[in-house]
Amino acid sequence: MECLLCQTPHSAAFKVVKKPERSYYHCAQCDLIFMNPKERLDAAQEKARYDFHQNEDMKGYRAFLEPLVKDVEQFAKNAKREPSDVSVLDYGCGPTAFLGNWFTEKSFRVTNYDLYYFPDQDSLKKSYHVITSTEVWEHLYDPRAELVKMIKMLKTGGILAVMTSSHKGEAAFHDWYYRRDLTHVTFFSEKTMKWIADHFNLQLIKGRSPYWIFQKWDAQTPS
């Protein structure tokens, strides 16, 4: 099967027999692992699971997101911009828009977008200094198309701040807790993130799971 990210043909198929059983593909070129599309949950099942996510203003969840928030604040300082002069898109914000609300409290100019909960397509027609995407990339059905979309919206010099846990290879994948959530269908590694940076002309300025910060310097439109 063609890789959903780098489009290399013939990604290697493998089966996870431990519950929940699923079939996956592993790309030797970019190291992406992705679930067999035929075995994904349907849209109604997927949204039902998202409705149970409790991304509320809890101390633990705030601590989990804090490193990314600090990175965005540091970006604004380095760019010598006040928060009110920094546009932020939280891509895949979820039902509570927790992160976006936090940035709003800090005076950033925030737009929230989510396929199910904040589906306003007009928000995807603008450009932003910062795009955040936390606990989202593991849910992407078409990671290449979504990446192209995000990078096109990112201003030159802007940052793409991502949170997703990286896989440690196929051998460790079978027992990995992260894959047990059946809405998690796409899995990146450190090698995958470096491939993304190289292919899309981004600078990977932070690359330690689960925090990834890409900076865009090339104004060329990605494809």
N, C-alpha and C. Protein backbone atom coordinates (compact mmCIF):
# COMPACT_ATOMS: atom_id res chain seq x y z
N MET A 1 0.84 -1.21 0.00
CA MET A 1 0.00 0.00 0.00
C MET A 1 0.87 1.25 0.00
N GLU A 2 0.42 2.29 -0.70
CA GLU A 2 1.16 3.54 -0.75
C GLU A 2 1.15 4.23 0.60
N CYS A 3 2.31 4.74 1.00
CA CYS A 3 2.41 5.44 2.28
C CYS A 3 1.53 6.69 2.26
N LEU A 4 0.82 6.92 3.35
CA LEU A 4 -0.08 8.07 3.44
C LEU A 4 0.67 9.39 3.60
N LEU A 5 1.96 9.33 3.88
CA LEU A 5 2.74 10.55 4.05
C LEU A 5 3.69 10.80 2.89
N CYS A 6 4.63 9.91 2.67
CA CYS A 6 5.65 10.15 1.65
C CYS A 6 5.28 9.57 0.29
N GLN A 7 4.20 8.81 0.22
CA GLN A 7 3.66 8.24 -1.01
C GLN A 7 4.56 7.18 -1.63
N THR A 8 5.50 6.66 -0.85
CA THR A 8 6.30 5.55 -1.32
C THR A 8 5.40 4.32 -1.48
N PRO A 9 5.47 3.60 -2.61
CA PRO A 9 4.61 2.43 -2.78
C PRO A 9 5.07 1.26 -1.92
N HIS A 10 4.15 0.36 -1.67
CA HIS A 10 4.44 -0.92 -1.03
C HIS A 10 4.93 -0.79 0.41
N SER A 11 4.22 -0.03 1.23
CA SER A 11 4.49 -0.07 2.67
C SER A 11 4.22 -1.48 3.17
N ALA A 12 5.04 -1.93 4.11
CA ALA A 12 4.96 -3.32 4.57
C ALA A 12 3.80 -3.52 5.53
N ALA A 13 2.97 -4.51 5.27
CA ALA A 13 1.83 -4.81 6.13
C ALA A 13 2.27 -5.66 7.31
N PHE A 14 1.65 -5.41 8.47
CA PHE A 14 1.85 -6.28 9.62
C PHE A 14 0.58 -6.30 10.45
N LYS A 15 0.43 -7.34 11.25
CA LYS A 15 -0.78 -7.55 12.02
C LYS A 15 -0.47 -7.49 13.51
N VAL A 16 -1.29 -6.78 14.26
CA VAL A 16 -1.21 -6.80 15.72
C VAL A 16 -2.32 -7.70 16.22
N VAL A 17 -1.96 -8.79 16.85
CA VAL A 17 -2.97 -9.77 17.29
C VAL A 17 -3.41 -9.54 18.73
N LYS A 18 -2.65 -8.74 19.45
CA LYS A 18 -3.07 -8.39 20.81
C LYS A 18 -4.23 -7.41 20.73
N LYS A 19 -5.15 -7.56 21.66
CA LYS A 19 -6.34 -6.69 21.62
C LYS A 19 -5.95 -5.25 21.87
N PRO A 20 -6.59 -4.31 21.12
CA PRO A 20 -7.51 -4.55 20.02
C PRO A 20 -6.77 -4.93 18.74
N GLU A 21 -7.15 -6.02 18.13
CA GLU A 21 -6.50 -6.50 16.92
C GLU A 21 -6.75 -5.53 15.77
N ARG A 22 -5.68 -5.24 15.05
CA ARG A 22 -5.77 -4.38 13.88
C ARG A 22 -4.62 -4.69 12.93
N SER A 23 -4.80 -4.33 11.67
CA SER A 23 -3.74 -4.45 10.68
C SER A 23 -3.15 -3.06 10.42
N TYR A 24 -1.85 -3.03 10.19
CA TYR A 24 -1.14 -1.76 9.99
C TYR A 24 -0.17 -1.89 8.82
N TYR A 25 0.34 -0.73 8.41
CA TYR A 25 1.40 -0.66 7.42
C TYR A 25 2.55 0.16 7.99
N HIS A 26 3.76 -0.22 7.61
CA HIS A 26 4.96 0.47 8.09
C HIS A 26 5.79 0.86 6.87
N CYS A 27 6.03 2.15 6.73
CA CYS A 27 6.79 2.67 5.59
C CYS A 27 8.28 2.68 5.91
N ALA A 28 9.07 2.04 5.06
CA ALA A 28 10.52 1.99 5.27
C ALA A 28 11.18 3.32 4.93
N GLN A 29 10.53 4.14 4.12
CA GLN A 29 11.13 5.41 3.68
C GLN A 29 11.04 6.48 4.77
N CYS A 30 9.83 6.76 5.26
CA CYS A 30 9.65 7.85 6.24
C CYS A 30 9.34 7.34 7.65
N ASP A 31 9.19 6.04 7.82
CA ASP A 31 8.99 5.39 9.12
C ASP A 31 7.58 5.59 9.67
N LEU A 32 6.65 6.06 8.87
CA LEU A 32 5.27 6.21 9.33
C LEU A 32 4.64 4.82 9.51
N ILE A 33 3.87 4.66 10.57
CA ILE A 33 3.03 3.49 10.77
C ILE A 33 1.58 3.96 10.73
N PHE A 34 0.74 3.28 9.96
CA PHE A 34 -0.66 3.70 9.88
C PHE A 34 -1.57 2.48 9.80
N MET A 35 -2.76 2.64 10.39
CA MET A 35 -3.75 1.57 10.42
C MET A 35 -4.31 1.33 9.02
N ASN A 36 -4.61 0.08 8.74
CA ASN A 36 -5.31 -0.24 7.50
C ASN A 36 -6.60 0.58 7.45
N PRO A 37 -6.76 1.43 6.43
CA PRO A 37 -7.95 2.29 6.37
C PRO A 37 -9.26 1.53 6.47
N LYS A 38 -9.29 0.30 6.03
CA LYS A 38 -10.53 -0.48 6.07
C LYS A 38 -10.92 -0.86 7.50
N GLU A 39 -10.00 -0.74 8.45
CA GLU A 39 -10.27 -1.15 9.83
C GLU A 39 -10.48 0.02 10.79
N ARG A 40 -10.53 1.22 10.25
CA ARG A 40 -10.80 2.39 11.10
C ARG A 40 -12.25 2.37 11.60
N LEU A 41 -12.48 3.09 12.67
CA LEU A 41 -13.85 3.33 13.12
C LEU A 41 -14.57 4.19 12.10
N ASP A 42 -15.89 4.10 12.06
CA ASP A 42 -16.61 5.01 11.18
C ASP A 42 -16.75 6.37 11.88
N ALA A 43 -17.22 7.36 11.16
CA ALA A 43 -17.25 8.73 11.68
C ALA A 43 -18.08 8.85 12.96
N ALA A 44 -19.22 8.15 13.01
CA ALA A 44 -20.08 8.22 14.20
C ALA A 44 -19.39 7.61 15.41
N GLN A 45 -18.73 6.47 15.21
CA GLN A 45 -18.01 5.82 16.31
C GLN A 45 -16.85 6.70 16.79
N GLU A 46 -16.17 7.30 15.83
CA GLU A 46 -15.03 8.15 16.17
C GLU A 46 -15.48 9.36 16.99
N LYS A 47 -16.51 10.04 16.54
CA LYS A 47 -16.97 11.22 17.26
C LYS A 47 -17.50 10.85 18.65
N ALA A 48 -18.15 9.71 18.76
CA ALA A 48 -18.66 9.28 20.06
C ALA A 48 -17.51 9.14 21.07
N ARG A 49 -16.38 8.67 20.60
CA ARG A 49 -15.22 8.54 21.49
C ARG A 49 -14.65 9.91 21.84
N TYR A 50 -14.63 10.80 20.86
CA TYR A 50 -14.13 12.16 21.13
C TYR A 50 -15.01 12.88 22.13
N ASP A 51 -16.31 12.59 22.09
CA ASP A 51 -17.23 13.26 23.01
C ASP A 51 -16.92 12.92 24.47
N PHE A 52 -16.23 11.80 24.69
CA PHE A 52 -15.88 11.40 26.05
C PHE A 52 -14.55 11.98 26.51
N HIS A 53 -13.80 12.58 25.59
CA HIS A 53 -12.52 13.18 25.98
C HIS A 53 -12.76 14.33 26.94
N GLN A 54 -12.01 14.34 28.01
CA GLN A 54 -12.20 15.36 29.04
C GLN A 54 -10.98 16.29 29.10
N ASN A 55 -10.83 17.11 28.09
CA ASN A 55 -9.72 18.07 28.06
C ASN A 55 -10.15 19.37 28.74
N GLU A 56 -10.43 19.27 30.01
CA GLU A 56 -10.91 20.41 30.77
C GLU A 56 -9.76 21.07 31.51
N ASP A 57 -10.05 22.13 32.17
CA ASP A 57 -9.01 22.91 32.84
C ASP A 57 -8.59 22.20 34.13
N MET A 58 -7.87 21.12 33.95
CA MET A 58 -7.37 20.37 35.09
C MET A 58 -5.87 20.62 35.23
N LYS A 59 -5.40 20.59 36.45
CA LYS A 59 -4.00 20.91 36.73
C LYS A 59 -3.05 20.02 35.95
N GLY A 60 -3.32 18.72 35.90
CA GLY A 60 -2.45 17.79 35.20
C GLY A 60 -2.40 18.05 33.71
N TYR A 61 -3.56 18.34 33.13
CA TYR A 61 -3.60 18.59 31.69
C TYR A 61 -2.90 19.91 31.35
N ARG A 62 -3.06 20.89 32.21
CA ARG A 62 -2.38 22.16 32.00
C ARG A 62 -0.86 21.97 32.05
N ALA A 63 -0.38 21.15 32.98
CA ALA A 63 1.05 20.88 33.07
C ALA A 63 1.55 20.15 31.83
N PHE A 64 0.71 19.27 31.29
CA PHE A 64 1.05 18.52 30.09
C PHE A 64 1.27 19.45 28.90
N LEU A 65 0.44 20.48 28.79
CA LEU A 65 0.51 21.41 27.66
C LEU A 65 1.50 22.56 27.88
N GLU A 66 1.90 22.77 29.11
CA GLU A 66 2.69 23.95 29.44
C GLU A 66 3.98 24.09 28.64
N PRO A 67 4.75 23.03 28.38
CA PRO A 67 5.97 23.21 27.57
C PRO A 67 5.69 23.80 26.20
N LEU A 68 4.60 23.38 25.58
CA LEU A 68 4.25 23.92 24.28
C LEU A 68 3.84 25.38 24.39
N VAL A 69 3.09 25.71 25.41
CA VAL A 69 2.68 27.11 25.62
C VAL A 69 3.90 27.99 25.80
N LYS A 70 4.86 27.53 26.57
CA LYS A 70 6.10 28.30 26.77
C LYS A 70 6.87 28.48 25.47
N ASP A 71 6.86 27.45 24.62
CA ASP A 71 7.53 27.57 23.33
C ASP A 71 6.89 28.65 22.47
N VAL A 72 5.58 28.73 22.50
CA VAL A 72 4.88 29.76 21.73
C VAL A 72 5.18 31.14 22.31
N GLU A 73 5.19 31.26 23.62
CA GLU A 73 5.53 32.53 24.25
C GLU A 73 6.96 32.95 23.89
N GLN A 74 7.87 31.98 23.86
CA GLN A 74 9.25 32.29 23.51
C GLN A 74 9.36 32.71 22.05
N PHE A 75 8.58 32.09 21.19
CA PHE A 75 8.54 32.49 19.79
C PHE A 75 8.15 33.96 19.66
N ALA A 76 7.11 34.36 20.39
CA ALA A 76 6.66 35.76 20.34
C ALA A 76 7.75 36.70 20.82
N LYS A 77 8.44 36.33 21.88
CA LYS A 77 9.53 37.16 22.39
C LYS A 77 10.66 37.27 21.39
N ASN A 78 11.03 36.13 20.79
CA ASN A 78 12.11 36.15 19.80
C ASN A 78 11.75 36.99 18.59
N ALA A 79 10.47 36.98 18.22
CA ALA A 79 10.00 37.77 17.08
C ALA A 79 9.74 39.22 17.46
N LYS A 80 9.92 39.54 18.75
CA LYS A 80 9.69 40.88 19.28
C LYS A 80 8.27 41.34 18.99
N ARG A 81 7.33 40.44 19.23
CA ARG A 81 5.92 40.73 19.05
C ARG A 81 5.19 40.59 20.38
N GLU A 82 4.27 41.49 20.63
CA GLU A 82 3.37 41.34 21.75
C GLU A 82 2.39 40.21 21.44
N PRO A 83 1.91 39.48 22.45
CA PRO A 83 0.94 38.41 22.18
C PRO A 83 -0.25 38.87 21.34
N SER A 84 -0.70 40.08 21.56
CA SER A 84 -1.86 40.59 20.82
C SER A 84 -1.57 40.77 19.33
N ASP A 85 -0.29 40.68 18.97
CA ASP A 85 0.12 40.81 17.57
C ASP A 85 0.50 39.45 16.97
N VAL A 86 0.20 38.39 17.68
CA VAL A 86 0.52 37.03 17.22
C VAL A 86 -0.78 36.27 16.98
N SER A 87 -1.00 35.85 15.76
CA SER A 87 -2.20 35.08 15.41
C SER A 87 -1.91 33.60 15.61
N VAL A 88 -2.83 32.92 16.27
CA VAL A 88 -2.67 31.50 16.59
C VAL A 88 -3.90 30.75 16.11
N LEU A 89 -3.66 29.65 15.39
CA LEU A 89 -4.72 28.73 15.02
C LEU A 89 -4.51 27.44 15.80
N ASP A 90 -5.50 27.04 16.59
CA ASP A 90 -5.43 25.73 17.24
C ASP A 90 -6.18 24.75 16.36
N TYR A 91 -5.43 23.93 15.64
CA TYR A 91 -5.96 23.03 14.62
C TYR A 91 -6.27 21.68 15.27
N GLY A 92 -7.57 21.40 15.39
CA GLY A 92 -8.01 20.20 16.09
C GLY A 92 -8.19 20.48 17.57
N CYS A 93 -8.93 21.53 17.87
CA CYS A 93 -8.99 22.06 19.24
C CYS A 93 -9.86 21.23 20.18
N GLY A 94 -10.71 20.34 19.62
CA GLY A 94 -11.59 19.55 20.47
C GLY A 94 -12.79 20.34 20.96
N PRO A 95 -13.68 19.70 21.71
CA PRO A 95 -14.93 20.34 22.10
C PRO A 95 -14.79 21.50 23.07
N THR A 96 -13.75 21.50 23.89
CA THR A 96 -13.62 22.56 24.90
C THR A 96 -12.71 23.70 24.48
N ALA A 97 -11.95 23.51 23.39
CA ALA A 97 -10.99 24.52 22.93
C ALA A 97 -10.11 24.99 24.08
N PHE A 98 -9.67 24.03 24.89
CA PHE A 98 -8.94 24.37 26.10
C PHE A 98 -7.67 25.17 25.82
N LEU A 99 -6.86 24.69 24.88
CA LEU A 99 -5.59 25.36 24.60
C LEU A 99 -5.82 26.75 24.02
N GLY A 100 -6.77 26.86 23.09
CA GLY A 100 -7.08 28.16 22.52
C GLY A 100 -7.54 29.15 23.58
N ASN A 101 -8.34 28.70 24.52
CA ASN A 101 -8.79 29.58 25.59
C ASN A 101 -7.64 30.03 26.47
N TRP A 102 -6.69 29.14 26.67
CA TRP A 102 -5.51 29.48 27.47
C TRP A 102 -4.70 30.57 26.76
N PHE A 103 -4.52 30.41 25.46
CA PHE A 103 -3.79 31.44 24.71
C PHE A 103 -4.56 32.76 24.69
N THR A 104 -5.88 32.68 24.63
CA THR A 104 -6.68 33.89 24.67
C THR A 104 -6.48 34.62 26.00
N GLU A 105 -6.41 33.87 27.09
CA GLU A 105 -6.14 34.46 28.41
C GLU A 105 -4.80 35.19 28.42
N LYS A 106 -3.88 34.72 27.59
CA LYS A 106 -2.55 35.32 27.52
C LYS A 106 -2.47 36.41 26.45
N SER A 107 -3.62 36.77 25.90
CA SER A 107 -3.78 37.90 24.98
C SER A 107 -3.35 37.61 23.54
N PHE A 108 -3.12 36.34 23.18
CA PHE A 108 -2.87 36.01 21.79
C PHE A 108 -4.16 36.10 20.99
N ARG A 109 -4.04 36.32 19.69
CA ARG A 109 -5.22 36.36 18.81
C ARG A 109 -5.49 34.95 18.31
N VAL A 110 -6.55 34.33 18.81
CA VAL A 110 -6.75 32.90 18.64
C VAL A 110 -7.95 32.59 17.75
N THR A 111 -7.74 31.60 16.88
CA THR A 111 -8.83 30.99 16.11
C THR A 111 -8.81 29.50 16.41
N ASN A 112 -9.99 28.94 16.67
CA ASN A 112 -10.10 27.51 16.93
C ASN A 112 -10.71 26.81 15.73
N TYR A 113 -10.13 25.65 15.39
CA TYR A 113 -10.71 24.84 14.31
C TYR A 113 -10.73 23.38 14.74
N ASP A 114 -11.83 22.71 14.45
CA ASP A 114 -11.93 21.28 14.70
C ASP A 114 -12.94 20.69 13.72
N LEU A 115 -12.61 19.56 13.17
CA LEU A 115 -13.46 18.91 12.17
C LEU A 115 -14.88 18.72 12.66
N TYR A 116 -15.04 18.35 13.95
CA TYR A 116 -16.35 18.05 14.49
C TYR A 116 -16.97 19.19 15.30
N TYR A 117 -16.15 19.95 16.02
CA TYR A 117 -16.68 20.89 17.01
C TYR A 117 -16.56 22.36 16.62
N PHE A 118 -15.58 22.71 15.82
CA PHE A 118 -15.42 24.09 15.34
C PHE A 118 -15.12 24.02 13.84
N PRO A 119 -16.10 23.62 13.04
CA PRO A 119 -15.83 23.29 11.63
C PRO A 119 -15.87 24.47 10.65
N ASP A 120 -15.78 25.69 11.13
CA ASP A 120 -15.85 26.85 10.26
C ASP A 120 -14.70 26.84 9.25
N GLN A 121 -14.99 26.64 8.00
CA GLN A 121 -13.96 26.55 6.96
C GLN A 121 -13.29 27.89 6.68
N ASP A 122 -13.93 28.98 7.06
CA ASP A 122 -13.31 30.30 6.84
C ASP A 122 -12.01 30.44 7.62
N SER A 123 -11.91 29.73 8.74
CA SER A 123 -10.70 29.82 9.54
C SER A 123 -9.51 29.22 8.81
N LEU A 124 -9.76 28.39 7.81
CA LEU A 124 -8.70 27.74 7.05
C LEU A 124 -8.29 28.54 5.82
N LYS A 125 -8.89 29.72 5.66
CA LYS A 125 -8.56 30.57 4.52
C LYS A 125 -7.64 31.72 4.91
N LYS A 126 -7.20 31.73 6.17
CA LYS A 126 -6.36 32.80 6.69
C LYS A 126 -4.94 32.28 6.89
N SER A 127 -4.04 33.18 7.26
CA SER A 127 -2.67 32.78 7.58
C SER A 127 -2.37 33.15 9.02
N TYR A 128 -1.42 32.42 9.62
CA TYR A 128 -1.17 32.53 11.06
C TYR A 128 0.32 32.53 11.36
N HIS A 129 0.67 33.22 12.45
CA HIS A 129 2.05 33.17 12.94
C HIS A 129 2.36 31.84 13.62
N VAL A 130 1.35 31.27 14.27
CA VAL A 130 1.51 30.02 15.01
C VAL A 130 0.32 29.11 14.71
N ILE A 131 0.62 27.84 14.43
CA ILE A 131 -0.42 26.82 14.36
C ILE A 131 -0.07 25.75 15.38
N THR A 132 -1.00 25.51 16.29
CA THR A 132 -0.81 24.44 17.27
C THR A 132 -1.70 23.26 16.88
N SER A 133 -1.21 22.07 17.17
CA SER A 133 -1.98 20.86 16.85
C SER A 133 -1.59 19.81 17.88
N THR A 134 -2.35 19.78 18.97
CA THR A 134 -2.00 18.92 20.09
C THR A 134 -2.92 17.72 20.18
N GLU A 135 -2.31 16.54 20.29
CA GLU A 135 -3.06 15.28 20.35
C GLU A 135 -4.02 15.14 19.15
N VAL A 136 -3.50 15.51 17.99
CA VAL A 136 -4.30 15.52 16.76
C VAL A 136 -3.68 14.62 15.69
N TRP A 137 -2.37 14.69 15.52
CA TRP A 137 -1.75 14.02 14.38
C TRP A 137 -1.95 12.52 14.39
N GLU A 138 -2.09 11.92 15.55
CA GLU A 138 -2.32 10.47 15.61
C GLU A 138 -3.71 10.09 15.09
N HIS A 139 -4.59 11.09 14.90
CA HIS A 139 -5.94 10.85 14.41
C HIS A 139 -6.08 11.10 12.90
N LEU A 140 -5.03 11.56 12.24
CA LEU A 140 -5.16 12.01 10.86
C LEU A 140 -5.30 10.85 9.87
N TYR A 141 -6.33 10.90 9.06
CA TYR A 141 -6.54 9.89 8.03
C TYR A 141 -5.63 10.14 6.82
N ASP A 142 -5.39 11.41 6.52
CA ASP A 142 -4.58 11.78 5.36
C ASP A 142 -3.51 12.77 5.83
N PRO A 143 -2.46 12.28 6.48
CA PRO A 143 -1.49 13.19 7.09
C PRO A 143 -0.79 14.12 6.09
N ARG A 144 -0.54 13.63 4.89
CA ARG A 144 0.13 14.48 3.91
C ARG A 144 -0.74 15.70 3.55
N ALA A 145 -2.01 15.44 3.24
CA ALA A 145 -2.91 16.54 2.87
C ALA A 145 -3.10 17.51 4.03
N GLU A 146 -3.20 17.00 5.25
CA GLU A 146 -3.39 17.87 6.41
C GLU A 146 -2.14 18.72 6.65
N LEU A 147 -0.96 18.13 6.47
CA LEU A 147 0.29 18.88 6.63
C LEU A 147 0.39 19.99 5.60
N VAL A 148 0.09 19.67 4.36
CA VAL A 148 0.13 20.69 3.30
C VAL A 148 -0.81 21.84 3.65
N LYS A 149 -1.99 21.51 4.13
CA LYS A 149 -2.97 22.52 4.51
C LYS A 149 -2.42 23.43 5.62
N MET A 150 -1.84 22.82 6.65
CA MET A 150 -1.31 23.60 7.77
C MET A 150 -0.14 24.49 7.34
N ILE A 151 0.76 23.93 6.56
CA ILE A 151 1.95 24.69 6.16
C ILE A 151 1.57 25.86 5.26
N LYS A 152 0.58 25.66 4.40
CA LYS A 152 0.11 26.77 3.55
C LYS A 152 -0.45 27.91 4.38
N MET A 153 -1.08 27.60 5.50
CA MET A 153 -1.66 28.64 6.36
C MET A 153 -0.62 29.33 7.24
N LEU A 154 0.56 28.75 7.35
CA LEU A 154 1.59 29.27 8.25
C LEU A 154 2.38 30.37 7.57
N LYS A 155 2.49 31.51 8.24
CA LYS A 155 3.27 32.62 7.72
C LYS A 155 4.75 32.25 7.68
N THR A 156 5.49 32.82 6.75
CA THR A 156 6.93 32.63 6.72
C THR A 156 7.54 33.13 8.03
N GLY A 157 8.35 32.29 8.64
CA GLY A 157 8.91 32.61 9.95
C GLY A 157 8.08 32.09 11.10
N GLY A 158 6.88 31.60 10.80
CA GLY A 158 5.98 31.11 11.83
C GLY A 158 6.34 29.70 12.27
N ILE A 159 5.66 29.24 13.33
CA ILE A 159 5.94 27.91 13.87
C ILE A 159 4.70 27.04 13.87
N LEU A 160 4.94 25.76 13.66
CA LEU A 160 3.93 24.72 13.78
C LEU A 160 4.29 23.91 15.01
N ALA A 161 3.45 24.01 16.06
CA ALA A 161 3.74 23.39 17.35
C ALA A 161 2.83 22.18 17.53
N VAL A 162 3.43 21.02 17.62
CA VAL A 162 2.69 19.75 17.58
C VAL A 162 2.97 18.94 18.84
N MET A 163 1.94 18.25 19.31
CA MET A 163 2.12 17.27 20.38
C MET A 163 1.53 15.94 19.92
N THR A 164 2.40 14.95 19.80
CA THR A 164 1.99 13.57 19.53
C THR A 164 3.14 12.67 19.95
N SER A 165 2.84 11.52 20.51
CA SER A 165 3.89 10.61 20.98
C SER A 165 4.47 9.84 19.81
N SER A 166 5.78 9.64 19.82
CA SER A 166 6.46 8.95 18.72
C SER A 166 6.56 7.46 18.98
N HIS A 167 6.46 6.69 17.91
CA HIS A 167 6.61 5.24 18.05
C HIS A 167 8.10 4.87 18.07
N LYS A 168 8.38 3.70 18.62
CA LYS A 168 9.76 3.23 18.79
C LYS A 168 10.07 2.05 17.89
N GLY A 169 9.32 1.92 16.82
CA GLY A 169 9.56 0.83 15.89
C GLY A 169 8.49 -0.25 15.97
N GLU A 170 8.48 -1.09 14.96
CA GLU A 170 7.43 -2.09 14.84
C GLU A 170 7.44 -3.11 15.98
N ALA A 171 8.64 -3.48 16.46
CA ALA A 171 8.73 -4.49 17.51
C ALA A 171 8.06 -4.03 18.79
N ALA A 172 8.21 -2.75 19.12
CA ALA A 172 7.63 -2.21 20.35
C ALA A 172 6.17 -1.80 20.16
N PHE A 173 5.74 -1.72 18.93
CA PHE A 173 4.41 -1.18 18.62
C PHE A 173 3.30 -2.05 19.18
N HIS A 174 3.46 -3.36 19.16
CA HIS A 174 2.39 -4.28 19.54
C HIS A 174 1.92 -4.06 20.99
N ASP A 175 2.85 -3.72 21.88
CA ASP A 175 2.50 -3.54 23.30
C ASP A 175 2.35 -2.06 23.69
N TRP A 176 2.43 -1.19 22.73
CA TRP A 176 2.41 0.25 23.00
C TRP A 176 1.00 0.69 23.36
N TYR A 177 0.86 1.34 24.52
CA TYR A 177 -0.47 1.77 24.98
C TYR A 177 -1.12 2.74 24.00
N TYR A 178 -0.32 3.52 23.31
CA TYR A 178 -0.83 4.60 22.47
C TYR A 178 -1.67 4.07 21.31
N ARG A 179 -1.35 2.89 20.83
CA ARG A 179 -2.07 2.36 19.67
C ARG A 179 -3.39 1.71 20.09
N ARG A 180 -3.62 1.54 21.39
CA ARG A 180 -4.84 0.86 21.85
C ARG A 180 -6.08 1.73 21.68
N ASP A 181 -5.90 3.02 21.61
CA ASP A 181 -7.02 3.91 21.31
C ASP A 181 -7.31 3.78 19.82
N LEU A 182 -8.46 3.27 19.47
CA LEU A 182 -8.75 2.98 18.07
C LEU A 182 -9.02 4.22 17.23
N THR A 183 -9.08 5.39 17.85
CA THR A 183 -9.10 6.62 17.05
C THR A 183 -7.69 7.05 16.66
N HIS A 184 -6.67 6.37 17.23
CA HIS A 184 -5.28 6.64 16.86
C HIS A 184 -4.94 5.76 15.66
N VAL A 185 -4.76 6.37 14.52
CA VAL A 185 -4.59 5.62 13.28
C VAL A 185 -3.28 5.90 12.56
N THR A 186 -2.56 6.93 12.97
CA THR A 186 -1.33 7.34 12.29
C THR A 186 -0.27 7.64 13.34
N PHE A 187 0.92 7.07 13.14
CA PHE A 187 1.96 7.14 14.16
C PHE A 187 3.29 7.57 13.54
N PHE A 188 3.87 8.58 14.15
CA PHE A 188 5.10 9.18 13.66
C PHE A 188 6.26 8.77 14.57
N SER A 189 7.45 8.81 14.04
CA SER A 189 8.66 8.59 14.83
C SER A 189 9.55 9.81 14.69
N GLU A 190 10.68 9.80 15.40
CA GLU A 190 11.64 10.90 15.24
C GLU A 190 12.12 10.97 13.79
N LYS A 191 12.33 9.82 13.19
CA LYS A 191 12.74 9.79 11.78
C LYS A 191 11.66 10.40 10.89
N THR A 192 10.40 10.11 11.18
CA THR A 192 9.30 10.67 10.40
C THR A 192 9.29 12.18 10.49
N MET A 193 9.47 12.70 11.69
CA MET A 193 9.45 14.16 11.87
C MET A 193 10.61 14.82 11.12
N LYS A 194 11.75 14.18 11.10
CA LYS A 194 12.88 14.71 10.34
C LYS A 194 12.60 14.66 8.84
N TRP A 195 11.91 13.59 8.41
CA TRP A 195 11.52 13.51 7.00
C TRP A 195 10.58 14.66 6.65
N ILE A 196 9.62 14.92 7.51
CA ILE A 196 8.68 16.02 7.28
C ILE A 196 9.42 17.35 7.15
N ALA A 197 10.35 17.60 8.06
CA ALA A 197 11.12 18.85 8.02
C ALA A 197 11.89 18.96 6.71
N ASP A 198 12.54 17.89 6.31
CA ASP A 198 13.34 17.93 5.07
C ASP A 198 12.46 18.08 3.84
N HIS A 199 11.37 17.33 3.79
CA HIS A 199 10.53 17.33 2.59
C HIS A 199 9.78 18.64 2.41
N PHE A 200 9.31 19.23 3.51
CA PHE A 200 8.50 20.44 3.41
C PHE A 200 9.30 21.71 3.70
N ASN A 201 10.61 21.60 3.70
CA ASN A 201 11.49 22.76 3.90
C ASN A 201 11.20 23.50 5.20
N LEU A 202 11.07 22.72 6.26
CA LEU A 202 10.86 23.27 7.59
C LEU A 202 12.10 23.03 8.43
N GLN A 203 12.26 23.82 9.46
CA GLN A 203 13.33 23.58 10.43
C GLN A 203 12.72 22.96 11.67
N LEU A 204 13.19 21.80 12.05
CA LEU A 204 12.72 21.14 13.27
C LEU A 204 13.52 21.70 14.43
N ILE A 205 12.94 22.66 15.14
CA ILE A 205 13.70 23.35 16.18
C ILE A 205 13.49 22.71 17.56
N LYS A 206 12.52 21.81 17.66
CA LYS A 206 12.35 21.03 18.88
C LYS A 206 11.84 19.66 18.48
N GLY A 207 12.52 18.62 18.88
CA GLY A 207 12.15 17.28 18.45
C GLY A 207 12.36 16.24 19.52
N ARG A 208 11.58 16.35 20.57
CA ARG A 208 11.63 15.36 21.64
C ARG A 208 10.21 14.99 22.01
N SER A 209 9.87 13.72 21.75
CA SER A 209 8.50 13.26 21.98
C SER A 209 8.02 13.58 23.40
N PRO A 210 6.79 14.11 23.51
CA PRO A 210 5.77 14.30 22.48
C PRO A 210 5.71 15.71 21.89
N TYR A 211 6.77 16.51 22.07
CA TYR A 211 6.75 17.91 21.65
C TYR A 211 7.60 18.10 20.40
N TRP A 212 7.00 18.73 19.38
CA TRP A 212 7.67 18.94 18.10
C TRP A 212 7.36 20.36 17.63
N ILE A 213 8.40 21.12 17.36
CA ILE A 213 8.22 22.49 16.87
C ILE A 213 8.92 22.63 15.53
N PHE A 214 8.15 22.95 14.51
CA PHE A 214 8.68 23.20 13.17
C PHE A 214 8.60 24.70 12.88
N GLN A 215 9.61 25.22 12.21
CA GLN A 215 9.56 26.63 11.81
C GLN A 215 9.65 26.71 10.29
N LYS A 216 8.84 27.58 9.73
CA LYS A 216 8.76 27.74 8.27
C LYS A 216 9.55 28.97 7.84
N TRP A 217 10.53 28.77 6.98
CA TRP A 217 11.29 29.89 6.44
C TRP A 217 11.13 30.03 4.94
N ASP A 218 10.77 28.96 4.27
CA ASP A 218 10.61 28.98 2.83
C ASP A 218 9.16 29.31 2.51
N ALA A 219 8.95 30.36 1.74
CA ALA A 219 7.59 30.79 1.41
C ALA A 219 6.97 29.94 0.30
N GLN A 220 7.73 29.01 -0.27
CA GLN A 220 7.22 28.16 -1.34
C GLN A 220 6.04 27.34 -0.86
N THR A 221 5.01 27.21 -1.71
CA THR A 221 3.84 26.44 -1.38
C THR A 221 4.16 24.94 -1.41
N PRO A 222 3.89 24.20 -0.33
CA PRO A 222 4.21 22.78 -0.31
C PRO A 222 3.22 21.97 -1.13
N SER A 223 3.60 20.75 -1.46
CA SER A 223 2.71 19.87 -2.20
C SER A 223 2.92 18.44 -1.77
